[in-house]
Protein backbone atom coordinates (compact mmCIF):
# COMPACT_ATOMS: atom_id res chain seq x y z
CA ALA A 1 19.10 28.19 113.62
CA ASP A 2 21.34 29.65 110.91
CA TYR A 3 21.73 32.75 113.07
CA GLY A 4 22.66 30.98 116.29
CA GLN A 5 19.19 30.98 117.90
CA LEU A 6 19.52 34.35 119.58
CA THR A 7 17.02 34.74 122.43
CA PHE A 8 16.31 37.37 125.08
CA GLU A 9 13.50 38.50 127.35
CA TYR A 10 11.69 41.78 126.74
CA PRO A 11 8.73 43.47 128.47
CA LYS A 12 5.37 41.78 127.82
CA THR A 13 3.87 45.15 126.87
CA TRP A 14 6.17 45.46 123.84
CA SER A 15 5.12 44.59 120.32
CA VAL A 16 7.43 43.20 117.65
CA TYR A 17 7.64 43.68 113.90
CA VAL A 18 9.97 41.46 111.85
CA ALA A 19 10.85 43.48 108.77
CA ALA A 20 13.28 40.98 107.23
CA ASP A 21 13.55 37.35 108.28
CA ALA A 22 16.63 36.59 106.14
CA SER A 23 15.08 33.34 104.92
CA SER A 24 16.47 34.11 101.45
CA GLY A 25 19.76 35.50 102.71
CA GLY A 26 20.63 39.04 103.70
CA ASP A 27 20.13 40.59 107.12
CA PHE A 28 17.55 39.79 109.81
CA LYS A 29 15.73 42.89 111.12
CA ALA A 30 13.17 43.15 113.92
CA TYR A 31 11.79 46.14 115.78
CA PHE A 32 10.29 46.27 119.29
CA ASN A 33 8.35 49.05 120.96
CA PRO A 34 5.89 49.47 123.83
CA ILE A 35 2.29 48.90 122.72
CA GLN A 36 2.89 49.18 118.95
CA VAL A 37 5.73 49.47 116.45
CA ASP A 38 5.38 52.61 114.34
CA ALA A 39 6.39 52.83 110.69
CA VAL A 40 10.10 52.04 110.65
CA SER A 41 12.69 54.52 109.39
CA ASP A 42 16.15 55.66 110.47
CA ASP A 43 14.53 58.48 112.46
CA THR A 44 11.78 56.44 114.15
CA ILE A 45 12.46 55.86 117.83
CA ASN A 46 12.20 52.19 118.76
CA ALA A 47 12.75 50.67 122.18
CA LEU A 48 14.79 47.95 120.49
CA ARG A 49 16.15 47.17 117.06
CA VAL A 50 17.58 43.70 116.51
CA ILE A 51 19.66 43.24 113.40
CA ILE A 52 21.74 40.23 112.50
CA ARG A 53 24.03 41.38 109.75
CA ASN A 54 25.44 38.99 107.22
CA LYS A 55 28.87 40.56 107.77
CA SER A 56 31.79 39.70 110.02
CA PHE A 57 32.21 41.34 113.42
CA ASP A 58 35.39 43.03 112.18
CA GLU A 59 33.59 44.56 109.18
CA VAL A 60 30.79 45.94 111.36
CA THR A 61 33.10 47.32 114.05
CA GLY A 62 35.14 48.91 111.25
CA GLU A 63 32.03 50.77 110.09
CA TYR A 64 31.46 52.09 113.61
CA LYS A 65 35.13 53.06 113.95
CA ARG A 66 34.99 55.06 110.70
CA PHE A 67 31.92 56.88 112.06
CA MET A 68 33.66 57.55 115.39
CA ASP A 69 36.72 58.94 113.58
CA ARG A 70 34.60 61.76 112.13
CA LYS A 71 35.22 65.11 113.77
CA ASP A 72 31.53 65.65 114.56
CA ALA A 73 30.90 62.14 115.94
CA ASN A 74 29.48 61.87 119.44
CA LEU A 75 29.84 58.13 120.05
CA THR A 76 31.99 56.18 122.51
CA VAL A 77 32.71 52.47 122.76
CA GLU A 78 33.57 50.10 125.59
CA SER A 79 33.93 46.34 125.90
CA VAL A 80 31.21 44.69 128.01
CA THR A 81 29.93 41.24 128.84
CA ILE A 82 26.28 40.34 128.42
CA GLY A 83 24.09 37.24 128.77
CA ASP A 84 25.45 33.74 128.12
CA SER A 85 26.67 31.75 125.15
CA GLU A 86 25.82 28.07 124.70
CA ASN A 87 28.68 27.00 126.96
CA GLY A 88 27.51 29.29 129.80
CA GLU A 89 30.24 31.85 129.26
CA PRO A 90 29.35 35.56 129.19
CA ILE A 91 29.27 37.09 125.72
CA THR A 92 31.90 39.73 124.99
CA ALA A 93 30.39 42.67 123.15
CA ASN A 94 31.08 46.25 122.11
CA ARG A 95 28.74 48.81 123.66
CA TYR A 96 28.41 52.12 121.85
CA THR A 97 26.88 55.11 123.62
CA GLY A 98 25.87 58.42 122.07
CA THR A 99 24.53 59.61 118.75
CA ILE A 100 23.52 56.65 116.61
CA PRO A 101 25.31 56.75 113.23
CA ASN A 102 23.41 58.47 110.42
CA THR A 103 20.66 59.74 112.75
CA ASP A 104 20.00 62.47 115.29
CA LEU A 105 18.97 59.84 117.85
CA SER A 106 20.89 59.31 121.07
CA GLY A 107 20.95 55.79 122.47
CA TYR A 108 22.88 52.57 123.00
CA ILE A 109 24.13 49.92 120.61
CA VAL A 110 25.57 46.53 121.57
CA ILE A 111 27.19 44.34 118.96
CA PHE A 112 28.65 40.85 119.21
CA LYS A 113 29.67 37.96 117.03
CA ILE A 114 27.39 35.02 116.25
CA ARG A 115 29.16 32.51 114.01
CA ASP A 116 30.20 34.41 110.86
CA LYS A 117 27.57 37.10 111.42
CA THR A 118 27.16 40.09 113.73
CA ALA A 119 24.24 40.73 116.09
CA ILE A 120 23.28 44.34 116.76
CA LEU A 121 20.93 45.24 119.60
CA GLN A 122 20.09 48.93 119.68
CA THR A 123 17.80 51.24 121.61
CA ASP A 124 17.07 54.54 119.95
CA SER A 125 16.55 56.58 123.11
CA VAL A 126 18.15 56.93 126.53
CA LEU A 127 14.57 56.65 127.89
CA PHE A 128 14.77 52.88 127.31
CA GLU A 129 18.16 52.38 128.99
CA GLU A 130 16.83 50.47 132.02
CA ASP A 131 14.80 48.02 129.89
CA PHE A 132 17.70 47.67 127.46
CA ASN A 133 20.17 46.81 130.24
CA LYS A 134 17.77 44.22 131.72
CA LEU A 135 17.28 42.70 128.28
CA LEU A 136 21.05 42.42 127.73
CA GLU A 137 21.36 40.31 130.90
CA THR A 138 18.98 37.73 129.39
CA VAL A 139 20.68 37.36 125.98
CA THR A 140 21.59 33.78 125.06
CA PHE A 141 22.56 32.16 121.82
CA ASN A 142 23.75 28.84 120.49
CA ALA A 143 26.72 29.32 118.22
């Protein structure tokens, strides 16, 4: 409830691993992958990473902007709408496409504000784009 009760639908064949539940503060981190979730690292490909950062939306987008300002960065951003908020309005989010910061992985990242925190939904491979886009349509949260 402290994180706005973020919910979404994902394929029934996916497994989930919650690495940090943020019950004592900090960030929430969960990983989803078909069949099983492998050992998690920055270079492990996951169908979905869900992170709720204990930072403001502006702080998190600033981190992405600094990465994008690098000469060798291969990442673009666009404003999109996904799912629904508690009042039935679509959620405005930033969608990043390209090389995921600090990795060699190419995928998609969607970030949006939940209360004073920032939700990050990320797929680590373009192979999961169709599932990721379907999942984004089902996102809801109570702010």
